[in-house]
């Protein structure tokens, strides 16, 4: 049985909360058919990259769209 979109989004939320490099409260998550879309404003390019890596860490994810905005457009 496949996880629902909400379960996939919840799994990523838990991973982001555990990552000390990421402010999970600043990131919105949309999940649909094993695609994750990240949105919001983060403090640095490193945080943006860490959040994307965390999204790929979630089992079964096929695509990550990173729409996070960091200062300087990075």
N, C-alpha and C. Protein backbone atom coordinates (compact mmCIF):
# COMPACT_ATOMS: atom_id res chain seq x y z
N UNK A 1 0.84 -1.18 0.00
CA UNK A 1 0.00 0.00 0.00
C UNK A 1 0.88 1.24 0.00
N UNK A 2 0.57 2.19 -0.86
CA UNK A 2 1.33 3.43 -0.97
C UNK A 2 0.91 4.42 0.10
N UNK A 3 1.88 5.22 0.53
CA UNK A 3 1.56 6.29 1.47
C UNK A 3 0.77 7.38 0.75
N UNK A 4 -0.10 8.03 1.49
CA UNK A 4 -0.87 9.13 0.91
C UNK A 4 0.03 10.37 0.80
N UNK A 5 -0.42 11.35 0.04
CA UNK A 5 0.34 12.59 -0.09
C UNK A 5 0.57 13.24 1.27
N UNK A 6 -0.44 13.20 2.13
CA UNK A 6 -0.29 13.79 3.46
C UNK A 6 0.78 13.06 4.27
N UNK A 7 0.84 11.75 4.15
CA UNK A 7 1.85 10.98 4.89
C UNK A 7 3.26 11.30 4.39
N UNK A 8 3.41 11.50 3.10
CA UNK A 8 4.71 11.85 2.54
C UNK A 8 5.12 13.24 3.02
N UNK A 9 4.19 14.20 3.00
CA UNK A 9 4.47 15.54 3.49
C UNK A 9 4.81 15.52 4.98
N UNK A 10 4.09 14.72 5.75
CA UNK A 10 4.36 14.60 7.18
C UNK A 10 5.75 14.00 7.43
N UNK A 11 6.13 13.03 6.62
CA UNK A 11 7.45 12.40 6.77
C UNK A 11 8.54 13.45 6.53
N UNK A 12 8.38 14.26 5.49
CA UNK A 12 9.37 15.29 5.23
C UNK A 12 9.38 16.33 6.34
N UNK A 13 8.23 16.68 6.85
CA UNK A 13 8.16 17.63 7.96
C UNK A 13 8.97 17.13 9.16
N UNK A 14 8.85 15.86 9.47
CA UNK A 14 9.62 15.28 10.58
C UNK A 14 11.12 15.33 10.30
N UNK A 15 11.52 15.02 9.07
CA UNK A 15 12.94 15.06 8.71
C UNK A 15 13.47 16.49 8.83
N UNK A 16 12.71 17.46 8.34
CA UNK A 16 13.15 18.86 8.41
C UNK A 16 13.30 19.33 9.86
N UNK A 17 12.38 18.90 10.72
CA UNK A 17 12.44 19.29 12.13
C UNK A 17 13.68 18.73 12.83
N UNK A 18 14.18 17.60 12.35
CA UNK A 18 15.37 16.97 12.95
C UNK A 18 16.68 17.57 12.43
N UNK A 19 16.61 18.30 11.32
CA UNK A 19 17.82 18.84 10.70
C UNK A 19 18.19 20.18 11.35
N UNK A 20 19.34 20.24 12.02
CA UNK A 20 19.74 21.48 12.70
C UNK A 20 20.07 22.62 11.73
N UNK A 21 20.24 22.32 10.45
CA UNK A 21 20.56 23.35 9.46
C UNK A 21 19.33 24.03 8.88
N UNK A 22 18.14 23.52 9.26
CA UNK A 22 16.91 23.96 8.61
C UNK A 22 15.91 24.49 9.64
N UNK A 23 15.26 25.62 9.30
CA UNK A 23 14.14 26.12 10.09
C UNK A 23 12.86 25.57 9.45
N UNK A 24 12.41 24.44 9.97
CA UNK A 24 11.27 23.74 9.37
C UNK A 24 10.01 24.60 9.32
N UNK A 25 9.86 25.52 10.27
CA UNK A 25 8.68 26.38 10.30
C UNK A 25 8.61 27.36 9.15
N UNK A 26 9.72 27.60 8.48
CA UNK A 26 9.77 28.55 7.38
C UNK A 26 9.49 27.90 6.03
N UNK A 27 9.31 26.58 6.02
CA UNK A 27 9.19 25.85 4.76
C UNK A 27 7.81 25.24 4.61
N UNK A 28 7.17 25.54 3.47
CA UNK A 28 5.90 24.90 3.16
C UNK A 28 6.17 23.69 2.28
N UNK A 29 5.34 22.69 2.45
CA UNK A 29 5.52 21.43 1.71
C UNK A 29 4.21 21.09 0.99
N UNK A 30 4.33 20.82 -0.29
CA UNK A 30 3.20 20.29 -1.06
C UNK A 30 3.64 18.94 -1.59
N UNK A 31 2.78 17.96 -1.45
CA UNK A 31 3.09 16.61 -1.93
C UNK A 31 1.97 16.15 -2.85
N UNK A 32 2.38 15.54 -3.97
CA UNK A 32 1.40 14.99 -4.88
C UNK A 32 2.06 13.90 -5.71
N UNK A 33 1.54 12.71 -5.60
CA UNK A 33 2.03 11.58 -6.40
C UNK A 33 3.55 11.42 -6.31
N UNK A 34 4.07 11.46 -5.09
CA UNK A 34 5.50 11.25 -4.82
C UNK A 34 6.39 12.37 -5.35
N UNK A 35 5.78 13.53 -5.61
CA UNK A 35 6.51 14.74 -5.95
C UNK A 35 6.40 15.68 -4.76
N UNK A 36 7.52 16.24 -4.33
CA UNK A 36 7.52 17.20 -3.23
C UNK A 36 7.90 18.56 -3.75
N UNK A 37 7.14 19.58 -3.35
CA UNK A 37 7.46 20.95 -3.70
C UNK A 37 7.70 21.73 -2.42
N UNK A 38 8.86 22.37 -2.34
CA UNK A 38 9.23 23.15 -1.17
C UNK A 38 9.06 24.62 -1.49
N UNK A 39 8.48 25.37 -0.54
CA UNK A 39 8.31 26.80 -0.73
C UNK A 39 8.61 27.55 0.55
N UNK A 40 8.83 28.85 0.41
CA UNK A 40 9.09 29.69 1.57
C UNK A 40 10.41 30.42 1.45
N UNK A 41 10.74 31.14 2.50
CA UNK A 41 11.98 31.91 2.55
C UNK A 41 12.90 31.32 3.61
N UNK A 42 14.13 31.06 3.21
CA UNK A 42 15.13 30.53 4.13
C UNK A 42 16.26 31.54 4.27
N UNK A 43 17.12 31.30 5.25
CA UNK A 43 18.15 32.28 5.60
C UNK A 43 19.40 32.21 4.75
N UNK A 44 19.62 31.09 4.05
CA UNK A 44 20.87 30.95 3.29
C UNK A 44 20.72 29.91 2.19
N UNK A 45 21.66 29.96 1.27
CA UNK A 45 21.71 28.94 0.23
C UNK A 45 21.98 27.56 0.80
N UNK A 46 22.77 27.52 1.88
CA UNK A 46 23.06 26.23 2.53
C UNK A 46 21.79 25.62 3.11
N UNK A 47 20.93 26.45 3.70
CA UNK A 47 19.68 25.95 4.25
C UNK A 47 18.77 25.45 3.13
N UNK A 48 18.73 26.18 2.03
CA UNK A 48 17.93 25.77 0.87
C UNK A 48 18.38 24.41 0.37
N UNK A 49 19.69 24.24 0.25
CA UNK A 49 20.24 22.98 -0.23
C UNK A 49 19.99 21.84 0.76
N UNK A 50 20.14 22.12 2.05
CA UNK A 50 19.91 21.09 3.07
C UNK A 50 18.46 20.62 3.04
N UNK A 51 17.52 21.54 2.87
CA UNK A 51 16.10 21.17 2.82
C UNK A 51 15.82 20.28 1.62
N UNK A 52 16.43 20.60 0.48
CA UNK A 52 16.23 19.77 -0.71
C UNK A 52 16.81 18.37 -0.49
N UNK A 53 18.00 18.31 0.09
CA UNK A 53 18.59 16.99 0.38
C UNK A 53 17.69 16.20 1.32
N UNK A 54 17.12 16.86 2.31
CA UNK A 54 16.20 16.19 3.23
C UNK A 54 14.99 15.63 2.48
N UNK A 55 14.48 16.40 1.51
CA UNK A 55 13.32 15.93 0.74
C UNK A 55 13.66 14.67 -0.04
N UNK A 56 14.85 14.62 -0.62
CA UNK A 56 15.26 13.42 -1.35
C UNK A 56 15.45 12.23 -0.41
N UNK A 57 15.67 12.50 0.86
CA UNK A 57 15.88 11.44 1.85
C UNK A 57 14.59 10.66 2.12
N UNK A 58 13.44 11.27 1.88
CA UNK A 58 12.15 10.62 2.14
C UNK A 58 11.96 9.48 1.13
N UNK A 59 11.70 8.30 1.64
CA UNK A 59 11.60 7.11 0.81
C UNK A 59 10.50 7.27 -0.25
N UNK A 60 10.82 6.90 -1.48
CA UNK A 60 9.84 6.85 -2.55
C UNK A 60 9.67 8.13 -3.33
N UNK A 61 10.29 9.21 -2.92
CA UNK A 61 10.12 10.49 -3.62
C UNK A 61 10.75 10.38 -5.01
N UNK A 62 10.00 10.81 -6.02
CA UNK A 62 10.47 10.74 -7.40
C UNK A 62 11.00 12.07 -7.92
N UNK A 63 10.52 13.17 -7.34
CA UNK A 63 10.91 14.49 -7.82
C UNK A 63 10.79 15.49 -6.69
N UNK A 64 11.76 16.40 -6.61
CA UNK A 64 11.72 17.50 -5.65
C UNK A 64 11.82 18.79 -6.43
N UNK A 65 10.85 19.67 -6.22
CA UNK A 65 10.88 21.00 -6.81
C UNK A 65 11.19 21.96 -5.69
N UNK A 66 12.34 22.61 -5.78
CA UNK A 66 12.80 23.49 -4.71
C UNK A 66 12.52 24.93 -5.09
N UNK A 67 11.46 25.51 -4.52
CA UNK A 67 11.08 26.90 -4.78
C UNK A 67 11.44 27.78 -3.58
N UNK A 68 12.31 27.28 -2.72
CA UNK A 68 12.74 28.07 -1.58
C UNK A 68 13.54 29.28 -2.05
N UNK A 69 13.37 30.39 -1.34
CA UNK A 69 14.09 31.61 -1.68
C UNK A 69 15.06 31.93 -0.57
N UNK A 70 16.32 32.15 -0.96
CA UNK A 70 17.37 32.51 -0.01
C UNK A 70 17.88 33.91 -0.36
N UNK A 71 18.43 34.62 0.60
CA UNK A 71 18.98 35.95 0.29
C UNK A 71 20.00 35.85 -0.85
N UNK A 72 19.96 36.80 -1.73
CA UNK A 72 20.88 36.79 -2.85
C UNK A 72 20.44 35.88 -4.00
N UNK A 73 19.25 35.27 -3.87
CA UNK A 73 18.73 34.42 -4.92
C UNK A 73 19.40 33.08 -5.06
N UNK A 74 20.14 32.66 -4.05
CA UNK A 74 20.86 31.38 -4.14
C UNK A 74 20.03 30.25 -3.63
